[in-house]
Protein backbone atom coordinates (compact mmCIF):
# COMPACT_ATOMS: atom_id res chain seq x y z
CA UNK A 1 47.68 120.27 136.90
CA UNK A 2 49.83 120.04 133.60
CA UNK A 3 53.55 120.68 134.49
CA UNK A 4 55.88 121.88 131.65
CA UNK A 5 57.51 118.75 130.36
CA UNK A 6 60.50 120.52 128.87
CA UNK A 7 63.93 119.08 130.11
CA UNK A 8 67.16 121.58 130.66
CA UNK A 9 68.52 119.36 127.92
CA UNK A 10 66.66 121.04 125.03
CA UNK A 11 66.59 124.48 125.93
CA UNK A 12 69.02 126.71 123.97
CA UNK A 13 71.53 128.18 125.65
CA UNK A 14 71.78 132.09 125.55
CA UNK A 15 75.31 133.10 124.13
CA UNK A 16 77.48 135.20 126.45
CA UNK A 17 77.51 138.84 125.51
CA UNK A 18 79.61 140.14 128.39
CA UNK A 19 82.75 138.93 130.42
CA UNK A 20 83.87 139.83 133.63
CA UNK A 21 87.90 140.85 133.64
CA UNK A 22 88.58 137.32 135.46
CA UNK A 23 86.56 135.84 132.99
CA UNK A 24 88.12 137.11 130.03
CA UNK A 25 91.68 136.06 131.52
CA UNK A 26 90.73 132.69 131.83
CA UNK A 27 89.20 132.53 128.15
CA UNK A 28 92.64 133.76 127.02
CA UNK A 29 94.70 131.87 129.51
CA UNK A 30 96.50 134.69 131.17
CA UNK A 31 96.54 136.03 134.82
CA UNK A 32 93.74 138.72 136.13
CA UNK A 33 96.58 141.24 136.75
CA UNK A 34 97.94 140.65 132.88
CA UNK A 35 94.04 141.10 131.88
CA UNK A 36 93.75 144.27 133.73
CA UNK A 37 97.24 145.46 132.53
CA UNK A 38 95.78 144.93 128.78
CA UNK A 39 92.57 146.90 130.04
CA UNK A 40 94.70 150.05 131.44
CA UNK A 41 96.93 149.69 128.02
CA UNK A 42 93.82 149.91 126.04
CA UNK A 43 94.88 146.63 124.11
CA UNK A 44 91.40 145.05 125.17
CA UNK A 45 88.55 147.27 125.03
CA UNK A 46 85.75 147.11 127.75
CA UNK A 47 82.64 148.84 129.04
CA UNK A 48 81.40 150.08 132.02
CA UNK A 49 77.95 149.05 133.85
CA UNK A 50 77.76 151.36 136.63
CA UNK A 51 80.75 150.44 138.82
CA UNK A 52 81.48 146.94 136.99
CA UNK A 53 83.70 146.49 133.84
CA UNK A 54 82.99 144.28 131.27
CA UNK A 55 84.54 142.85 128.08
CA UNK A 56 82.49 141.94 125.21
CA UNK A 57 83.70 138.45 123.13
CA UNK A 58 84.16 140.60 119.90
CA UNK A 59 86.91 142.73 122.02
CA UNK A 60 88.82 139.69 122.73
CA UNK A 61 88.28 138.22 119.36
CA UNK A 62 89.86 141.57 118.02
CA UNK A 63 92.49 141.22 120.71
CA UNK A 64 93.86 138.13 119.27
CA UNK A 65 93.21 139.35 115.82
CA UNK A 66 95.92 142.13 116.77
CA UNK A 67 98.30 139.40 118.12
CA UNK A 68 97.94 137.43 114.92
CA UNK A 69 99.03 140.22 112.84
CA UNK A 70 101.92 140.91 115.36
CA UNK A 71 103.42 137.49 114.92
CA UNK A 72 102.87 138.03 111.07
CA UNK A 73 104.88 141.09 111.41
CA UNK A 74 107.90 139.62 113.65
CA UNK A 75 108.44 136.78 110.80
CA UNK A 76 108.41 139.99 108.24
CA UNK A 77 110.71 141.83 110.36
CA UNK A 78 112.79 139.03 112.44
CA UNK A 79 114.63 140.48 115.36
CA UNK A 80 112.89 143.85 115.23
CA UNK A 81 110.04 142.85 118.09
CA UNK A 82 110.62 146.18 119.47
CA UNK A 83 108.78 147.83 116.82
CA UNK A 84 105.67 146.43 118.00
CA UNK A 85 105.97 147.26 121.33
CA UNK A 86 103.46 150.02 122.87
CA UNK A 87 105.24 153.51 123.03
CA UNK A 88 107.87 152.29 120.59
CA UNK A 89 109.77 155.57 119.68
CA UNK A 90 112.38 155.23 116.67
CA UNK A 91 114.40 157.88 117.89
CA UNK A 92 115.22 156.24 121.30
CA UNK A 93 116.69 153.28 119.59
CA UNK A 94 118.58 154.75 116.50
CA UNK A 95 122.38 154.71 117.49
CA UNK A 96 123.99 157.73 118.17
CA UNK A 97 125.76 159.70 115.53
CA UNK A 98 129.48 159.63 115.55
CA UNK A 99 131.20 163.17 115.52
CA UNK A 100 132.27 164.12 112.13
């Protein structure tokens, strides 16, 4: 009887395509609740498979890219990080006009 002599060390690992919110949070170094907040805000894209929510590796990379872009924008507009907040409304941050 022949037995397959292939050791597990020679097998090529299959790359992960989807992550649970908990795994994605660990990969980003944030809490699980912060990850769910990013999902509900639409900052990180996800897919649903049945009742399960999963996050693609590409979505995590895209989110990191947006963070890098925001940091670059802050460098160009110091003191104006408020411009980058979700839901920013310029009118709400304008000083009240003085009566003439």
